[in-house]
Amino acid sequence: MDDIKKPLHYNKGGIEPIDYIVANNLSYCEGNVVKYITRWRFKGHGVEDLKKAKQYIDFIIEKEAVTKITDTND
């Protein structure tokens, strides 16, 4: 097994997160949410990875809030 390209936690769930991310044209932040949520049980970092996913969700929310405010000010 190649620990760089194909660590064990990449192969859980039937589809690698990168394949899902690319197939669905997700943004960087959205892709990281998918990555961390998909792997958190298997990677060995547990709640730390959930907190990382939450941080990326917060980035998305902040960006969307700014976009909405900007859109309403035009």
PDB file of N, CA and C in Angstrom:
ATOM      1  N   MET A   1       0.851  -1.190   0.000  1.00  0.00           N
ATOM      2  CA  MET A   1       0.000   0.000   0.000  1.00  0.00           C
ATOM      3  C   MET A   1       0.889   1.243   0.000  1.00  0.00           C
ATOM      4  N   ASP A   2       0.539   2.221  -0.801  1.00  0.00           N
ATOM      5  CA  ASP A   2       1.279   3.477  -0.909  1.00  0.00           C
ATOM      6  C   ASP A   2       0.706   4.469   0.104  1.00  0.00           C
ATOM      7  N   ASP A   3       1.451   4.753   1.181  1.00  0.00           N
ATOM      8  CA  ASP A   3       0.958   5.628   2.245  1.00  0.00           C
ATOM      9  C   ASP A   3       0.831   7.088   1.823  1.00  0.00           C
ATOM     10  N   ILE A   4       1.403   7.464   0.696  1.00  0.00           N
ATOM     11  CA  ILE A   4       1.285   8.838   0.215  1.00  0.00           C
ATOM     12  C   ILE A   4       0.083   8.990  -0.707  1.00  0.00           C
ATOM     13  N   LYS A   5      -0.017   8.142  -1.703  1.00  0.00           N
ATOM     14  CA  LYS A   5      -1.091   8.262  -2.698  1.00  0.00           C
ATOM     15  C   LYS A   5      -2.361   7.515  -2.314  1.00  0.00           C
ATOM     16  N   LYS A   6      -2.226   6.455  -1.565  1.00  0.00           N
ATOM     17  CA  LYS A   6      -3.395   5.624  -1.253  1.00  0.00           C
ATOM     18  C   LYS A   6      -3.366   5.104   0.180  1.00  0.00           C
ATOM     19  N   PRO A   7      -3.337   6.000   1.182  1.00  0.00           N
ATOM     20  CA  PRO A   7      -3.392   5.486   2.550  1.00  0.00           C
ATOM     21  C   PRO A   7      -4.728   4.781   2.797  1.00  0.00           C
ATOM     22  N   LEU A   8      -4.775   3.942   3.777  1.00  0.00           N
ATOM     23  CA  LEU A   8      -5.977   3.146   4.039  1.00  0.00           C
ATOM     24  C   LEU A   8      -7.227   4.000   4.226  1.00  0.00           C
ATOM     25  N   HIS A   9      -7.110   5.148   4.886  1.00  0.00           N
ATOM     26  CA  HIS A   9      -8.299   5.957   5.138  1.00  0.00           C
ATOM     27  C   HIS A   9      -8.857   6.604   3.869  1.00  0.00           C
ATOM     28  N   TYR A  10      -8.126   6.578   2.757  1.00  0.00           N
ATOM     29  CA  TYR A  10      -8.630   7.119   1.490  1.00  0.00           C
ATOM     30  C   TYR A  10      -9.658   6.183   0.856  1.00  0.00           C
ATOM     31  N   ASN A  11      -9.586   4.909   1.164  1.00  0.00           N
ATOM     32  CA  ASN A  11     -10.375   3.907   0.449  1.00  0.00           C
ATOM     33  C   ASN A  11     -11.659   3.495   1.162  1.00  0.00           C
ATOM     34  N   LYS A  12     -12.008   4.159   2.221  1.00  0.00           N
ATOM     35  CA  LYS A  12     -13.234   3.836   2.951  1.00  0.00           C
ATOM     36  C   LYS A  12     -14.421   4.478   2.236  1.00  0.00           C
ATOM     37  N   GLY A  13     -15.552   3.789   2.232  1.00  0.00           N
ATOM     38  CA  GLY A  13     -16.769   4.381   1.705  1.00  0.00           C
ATOM     39  C   GLY A  13     -17.018   4.181   0.221  1.00  0.00           C
ATOM     40  N   GLY A  14     -16.163   3.460  -0.471  1.00  0.00           N
ATOM     41  CA  GLY A  14     -16.436   3.117  -1.854  1.00  0.00           C
ATOM     42  C   GLY A  14     -15.980   4.122  -2.899  1.00  0.00           C
ATOM     43  N   ILE A  15     -15.831   5.383  -2.536  1.00  0.00           N
ATOM     44  CA  ILE A  15     -15.351   6.394  -3.475  1.00  0.00           C
ATOM     45  C   ILE A  15     -14.384   7.305  -2.724  1.00  0.00           C
ATOM     46  N   GLU A  16     -13.291   7.622  -3.366  1.00  0.00           N
ATOM     47  CA  GLU A  16     -12.357   8.540  -2.726  1.00  0.00           C
ATOM     48  C   GLU A  16     -12.941   9.946  -2.753  1.00  0.00           C
ATOM     49  N   PRO A  17     -12.765  10.699  -1.685  1.00  0.00           N
ATOM     50  CA  PRO A  17     -13.294  12.060  -1.659  1.00  0.00           C
ATOM     51  C   PRO A  17     -12.864  12.900  -2.860  1.00  0.00           C
ATOM     52  N   ILE A  18     -11.620  12.765  -3.320  1.00  0.00           N
ATOM     53  CA  ILE A  18     -11.160  13.570  -4.449  1.00  0.00           C
ATOM     54  C   ILE A  18     -11.992  13.283  -5.700  1.00  0.00           C
ATOM     55  N   ASP A  19     -12.378  12.038  -5.897  1.00  0.00           N
ATOM     56  CA  ASP A  19     -13.200  11.696  -7.061  1.00  0.00           C
ATOM     57  C   ASP A  19     -14.575  12.353  -6.964  1.00  0.00           C
ATOM     58  N   TYR A  20     -15.167  12.331  -5.771  1.00  0.00           N
ATOM     59  CA  TYR A  20     -16.455  12.983  -5.558  1.00  0.00           C
ATOM     60  C   TYR A  20     -16.344  14.499  -5.729  1.00  0.00           C
ATOM     61  N   ILE A  21     -15.301  15.074  -5.163  1.00  0.00           N
ATOM     62  CA  ILE A  21     -15.080  16.529  -5.232  1.00  0.00           C
ATOM     63  C   ILE A  21     -14.952  16.985  -6.683  1.00  0.00           C
ATOM     64  N   VAL A  22     -14.134  16.305  -7.453  1.00  0.00           N
ATOM     65  CA  VAL A  22     -13.927  16.674  -8.851  1.00  0.00           C
ATOM     66  C   VAL A  22     -15.197  16.453  -9.665  1.00  0.00           C
ATOM     67  N   ALA A  23     -15.855  15.318  -9.469  1.00  0.00           N
ATOM     68  CA  ALA A  23     -17.071  14.996 -10.228  1.00  0.00           C
ATOM     69  C   ALA A  23     -18.181  16.011  -9.989  1.00  0.00           C
ATOM     70  N   ASN A  24     -18.183  16.626  -8.809  1.00  0.00           N
ATOM     71  CA  ASN A  24     -19.244  17.576  -8.457  1.00  0.00           C
ATOM     72  C   ASN A  24     -18.781  19.027  -8.512  1.00  0.00           C
ATOM     73  N   ASN A  25     -17.562  19.240  -9.012  1.00  0.00           N
ATOM     74  CA  ASN A  25     -17.022  20.594  -9.201  1.00  0.00           C
ATOM     75  C   ASN A  25     -17.136  21.443  -7.930  1.00  0.00           C
ATOM     76  N   LEU A  26     -16.740  20.857  -6.811  1.00  0.00           N
ATOM     77  CA  LEU A  26     -16.835  21.564  -5.536  1.00  0.00           C
ATOM     78  C   LEU A  26     -15.697  22.561  -5.380  1.00  0.00           C
ATOM     79  N   SER A  27     -15.974  23.620  -4.634  1.00  0.00           N
ATOM     80  CA  SER A  27     -14.941  24.612  -4.334  1.00  0.00           C
ATOM     81  C   SER A  27     -13.926  24.010  -3.367  1.00  0.00           C
ATOM     82  N   TYR A  28     -12.849  24.751  -3.153  1.00  0.00           N
ATOM     83  CA  TYR A  28     -11.804  24.313  -2.224  1.00  0.00           C
ATOM     84  C   TYR A  28     -12.393  24.040  -0.835  1.00  0.00           C
ATOM     85  N   CYS A  29     -13.151  24.977  -0.320  1.00  0.00           N
ATOM     86  CA  CYS A  29     -13.712  24.816   1.030  1.00  0.00           C
ATOM     87  C   CYS A  29     -14.719  23.674   1.076  1.00  0.00           C
ATOM     88  N   GLU A  30     -15.584  23.587   0.087  1.00  0.00           N
ATOM     89  CA  GLU A  30     -16.558  22.491   0.045  1.00  0.00           C
ATOM     90  C   GLU A  30     -15.844  21.142  -0.023  1.00  0.00           C
ATOM     91  N   GLY A  31     -14.804  21.077  -0.840  1.00  0.00           N
ATOM     92  CA  GLY A  31     -14.049  19.836  -0.961  1.00  0.00           C
ATOM     93  C   GLY A  31     -13.401  19.423   0.344  1.00  0.00           C
ATOM     94  N   ASN A  32     -12.888  20.394   1.084  1.00  0.00           N
ATOM     95  CA  ASN A  32     -12.276  20.066   2.372  1.00  0.00           C
ATOM     96  C   ASN A  32     -13.308  19.584   3.377  1.00  0.00           C
ATOM     97  N   VAL A  33     -14.516  20.131   3.330  1.00  0.00           N
ATOM     98  CA  VAL A  33     -15.578  19.633   4.208  1.00  0.00           C
ATOM     99  C   VAL A  33     -15.831  18.155   3.897  1.00  0.00           C
ATOM    100  N   VAL A  34     -15.994  17.837   2.627  1.00  0.00           N
ATOM    101  CA  VAL A  34     -16.229  16.453   2.213  1.00  0.00           C
ATOM    102  C   VAL A  34     -15.079  15.561   2.677  1.00  0.00           C
ATOM    103  N   LYS A  35     -13.855  16.013   2.444  1.00  0.00           N
ATOM    104  CA  LYS A  35     -12.669  15.232   2.806  1.00  0.00           C
ATOM    105  C   LYS A  35     -12.632  14.938   4.306  1.00  0.00           C
ATOM    106  N   TYR A  36     -12.782  15.959   5.118  1.00  0.00           N
ATOM    107  CA  TYR A  36     -12.674  15.757   6.564  1.00  0.00           C
ATOM    108  C   TYR A  36     -13.841  14.955   7.126  1.00  0.00           C
ATOM    109  N   ILE A  37     -15.045  15.194   6.639  1.00  0.00           N
ATOM    110  CA  ILE A  37     -16.208  14.447   7.130  1.00  0.00           C
ATOM    111  C   ILE A  37     -16.115  12.978   6.730  1.00  0.00           C
ATOM    112  N   THR A  38     -15.660  12.735   5.515  1.00  0.00           N
ATOM    113  CA  THR A  38     -15.569  11.364   5.025  1.00  0.00           C
ATOM    114  C   THR A  38     -14.542  10.544   5.791  1.00  0.00           C
ATOM    115  N   ARG A  39     -13.448  11.156   6.179  1.00  0.00           N
ATOM    116  CA  ARG A  39     -12.324  10.404   6.757  1.00  0.00           C
ATOM    117  C   ARG A  39     -12.192  10.472   8.269  1.00  0.00           C
ATOM    118  N   TRP A  40     -12.987  11.276   8.943  1.00  0.00           N
ATOM    119  CA  TRP A  40     -12.713  11.561  10.356  1.00  0.00           C
ATOM    120  C   TRP A  40     -12.676  10.318  11.235  1.00  0.00           C
ATOM    121  N   ARG A  41     -13.453   9.306  10.930  1.00  0.00           N
ATOM    122  CA  ARG A  41     -13.465   8.092  11.764  1.00  0.00           C
ATOM    123  C   ARG A  41     -12.249   7.201  11.522  1.00  0.00           C
ATOM    124  N   PHE A  42     -11.628   7.335  10.367  1.00  0.00           N
ATOM    125  CA  PHE A  42     -10.611   6.384   9.945  1.00  0.00           C
ATOM    126  C   PHE A  42      -9.185   6.920   9.997  1.00  0.00           C
ATOM    127  N   LYS A  43      -9.026   8.214   9.982  1.00  0.00           N
ATOM    128  CA  LYS A  43      -7.708   8.820   9.848  1.00  0.00           C
ATOM    129  C   LYS A  43      -6.920   8.817  11.163  1.00  0.00           C
ATOM    130  N   GLY A  44      -7.631   8.769  12.290  1.00  0.00           N
ATOM    131  CA  GLY A  44      -6.955   8.736  13.571  1.00  0.00           C
ATOM    132  C   GLY A  44      -6.926  10.065  14.303  1.00  0.00           C
ATOM    133  N   HIS A  45      -7.556  11.097  13.734  1.00  0.00           N
ATOM    134  CA  HIS A  45      -7.575  12.406  14.385  1.00  0.00           C
ATOM    135  C   HIS A  45      -8.937  12.759  14.965  1.00  0.00           C
ATOM    136  N   GLY A  46      -9.937  11.941  14.747  1.00  0.00           N
ATOM    137  CA  GLY A  46     -11.252  12.073  15.356  1.00  0.00           C
ATOM    138  C   GLY A  46     -11.850  13.462  15.326  1.00  0.00           C
ATOM    139  N   VAL A  47     -12.141  13.973  16.505  1.00  0.00           N
ATOM    140  CA  VAL A  47     -12.823  15.257  16.661  1.00  0.00           C
ATOM    141  C   VAL A  47     -12.023  16.404  16.030  1.00  0.00           C
ATOM    142  N   GLU A  48     -10.723  16.304  15.991  1.00  0.00           N
ATOM    143  CA  GLU A  48      -9.905  17.339  15.355  1.00  0.00           C
ATOM    144  C   GLU A  48     -10.314  17.524  13.886  1.00  0.00           C
ATOM    145  N   ASP A  49     -10.540  16.415  13.176  1.00  0.00           N
ATOM    146  CA  ASP A  49     -10.971  16.518  11.782  1.00  0.00           C
ATOM    147  C   ASP A  49     -12.384  17.082  11.673  1.00  0.00           C
ATOM    148  N   LEU A  50     -13.253  16.770  12.615  1.00  0.00           N
ATOM    149  CA  LEU A  50     -14.599  17.370  12.618  1.00  0.00           C
ATOM    150  C   LEU A  50     -14.515  18.879  12.815  1.00  0.00           C
ATOM    151  N   LYS A  51     -13.606  19.316  13.668  1.00  0.00           N
ATOM    152  CA  LYS A  51     -13.412  20.754  13.877  1.00  0.00           C
ATOM    153  C   LYS A  51     -12.873  21.422  12.616  1.00  0.00           C
ATOM    154  N   LYS A  52     -12.013  20.726  11.891  1.00  0.00           N
ATOM    155  CA  LYS A  52     -11.515  21.267  10.629  1.00  0.00           C
ATOM    156  C   LYS A  52     -12.651  21.397   9.625  1.00  0.00           C
ATOM    157  N   ALA A  53     -13.503  20.391   9.538  1.00  0.00           N
ATOM    158  CA  ALA A  53     -14.658  20.454   8.637  1.00  0.00           C
ATOM    159  C   ALA A  53     -15.553  21.635   9.016  1.00  0.00           C
ATOM    160  N   LYS A  54     -15.779  21.817  10.302  1.00  0.00           N
ATOM    161  CA  LYS A  54     -16.598  22.931  10.791  1.00  0.00           C
ATOM    162  C   LYS A  54     -15.976  24.271  10.419  1.00  0.00           C
ATOM    163  N   GLN A  55     -14.659  24.363  10.517  1.00  0.00           N
ATOM    164  CA  GLN A  55     -13.973  25.601  10.150  1.00  0.00           C
ATOM    165  C   GLN A  55     -14.207  25.935   8.678  1.00  0.00           C
ATOM    166  N   TYR A  56     -14.128  24.930   7.817  1.00  0.00           N
ATOM    167  CA  TYR A  56     -14.377  25.174   6.398  1.00  0.00           C
ATOM    168  C   TYR A  56     -15.839  25.531   6.133  1.00  0.00           C
ATOM    169  N   ILE A  57     -16.753  24.941   6.883  1.00  0.00           N
ATOM    170  CA  ILE A  57     -18.161  25.326   6.766  1.00  0.00           C
ATOM    171  C   ILE A  57     -18.332  26.784   7.186  1.00  0.00           C
ATOM    172  N   ASP A  58     -17.659  27.189   8.245  1.00  0.00           N
ATOM    173  CA  ASP A  58     -17.712  28.587   8.687  1.00  0.00           C
ATOM    174  C   ASP A  58     -17.160  29.529   7.615  1.00  0.00           C
ATOM    175  N   PHE A  59     -16.087  29.118   6.918  1.00  0.00           N
ATOM    176  CA  PHE A  59     -15.553  29.933   5.814  1.00  0.00           C
ATOM    177  C   PHE A  59     -16.613  30.117   4.725  1.00  0.00           C
ATOM    178  N   ILE A  60     -17.304  29.027   4.392  1.00  0.00           N
ATOM    179  CA  ILE A  60     -18.342  29.086   3.355  1.00  0.00           C
ATOM    180  C   ILE A  60     -19.472  30.006   3.795  1.00  0.00           C
ATOM    181  N   ILE A  61     -19.909  29.872   5.042  1.00  0.00           N
ATOM    182  CA  ILE A  61     -20.990  30.717   5.566  1.00  0.00           C
ATOM    183  C   ILE A  61     -20.579  32.182   5.538  1.00  0.00           C
ATOM    184  N   GLU A  62     -19.372  32.490   5.979  1.00  0.00           N
ATOM    185  CA  GLU A  62     -18.895  33.877   5.970  1.00  0.00           C
ATOM    186  C   GLU A  62     -18.877  34.439   4.551  1.00  0.00           C
ATOM    187  N   LYS A  63     -18.387  33.660   3.615  1.00  0.00           N
ATOM    188  CA  LYS A  63     -18.330  34.108   2.217  1.00  0.00           C
ATOM    189  C   LYS A  63     -19.732  34.347   1.677  1.00  0.00           C
ATOM    190  N   GLU A  64     -20.640  33.445   1.953  1.00  0.00           N
ATOM    191  CA  GLU A  64     -22.015  33.590   1.478  1.00  0.00           C
ATOM    192  C   GLU A  64     -22.698  34.799   2.120  1.00  0.00           C
ATOM    193  N   ALA A  65     -22.432  35.048   3.384  1.00  0.00           N
ATOM    194  CA  ALA A  65     -23.029  36.201   4.066  1.00  0.00           C
ATOM    195  C   ALA A  65     -22.540  37.499   3.434  1.00  0.00           C
ATOM    196  N   VAL A  66     -21.253  37.585   3.134  1.00  0.00           N
ATOM    197  CA  VAL A  66     -20.687  38.776   2.489  1.00  0.00           C
ATOM    198  C   VAL A  66     -21.277  38.935   1.095  1.00  0.00           C
ATOM    199  N   THR A  67     -21.403  37.851   0.358  1.00  0.00           N
ATOM    200  CA  THR A  67     -21.972  37.893  -0.989  1.00  0.00           C
ATOM    201  C   THR A  67     -23.409  38.399  -0.935  1.00  0.00           C
ATOM    202  N   LYS A  68     -24.189  37.948  -0.004  1.00  0.00           N
ATOM    203  CA  LYS A  68     -25.586  38.361   0.121  1.00  0.00           C
ATOM    204  C   LYS A  68     -25.682  39.842   0.466  1.00  0.00           C
ATOM    205  N   ILE A  69     -24.823  40.313   1.371  1.00  0.00           N
ATOM    206  CA  ILE A  69     -24.825  41.720   1.761  1.00  0.00           C
ATOM    207  C   ILE A  69     -24.436  42.584   0.564  1.00  0.00           C
ATOM    208  N   THR A  70     -23.414  42.170  -0.163  1.00  0.00           N
ATOM    209  CA  THR A  70     -22.958  42.904  -1.335  1.00  0.00           C
ATOM    210  C   THR A  70     -24.052  42.939  -2.408  1.00  0.00           C
ATOM    211  N   ASP A  71     -24.716  41.817  -2.625  1.00  0.00           N
ATOM    212  CA  ASP A  71     -25.776  41.737  -3.625  1.00  0.00           C
ATOM    213  C   ASP A  71     -26.945  42.662  -3.294  1.00  0.00           C
ATOM    214  N   THR A  72     -27.286  42.819  -2.029  1.00  0.00           N
ATOM    215  CA  THR A  72     -28.420  43.640  -1.646  1.00  0.00           C
ATOM    216  C   THR A  72     -28.073  45.132  -1.652  1.00  0.00           C
ATOM    217  N   ASN A  73     -26.785  45.456  -1.662  1.00  0.00           N
ATOM    218  CA  ASN A  73     -26.371  46.865  -1.665  1.00  0.00           C
ATOM    219  C   ASN A  73     -26.259  47.434  -3.078  1.00  0.00           C
ATOM    220  N   ASP A  74     -26.427  46.638  -4.095  1.00  0.00           N
ATOM    221  CA  ASP A  74     -26.294  47.125  -5.484  1.00  0.00           C
ATOM    222  C   ASP A  74     -27.519  47.880  -5.945  1.00  0.00           C
TER     223      ASP A  74
END
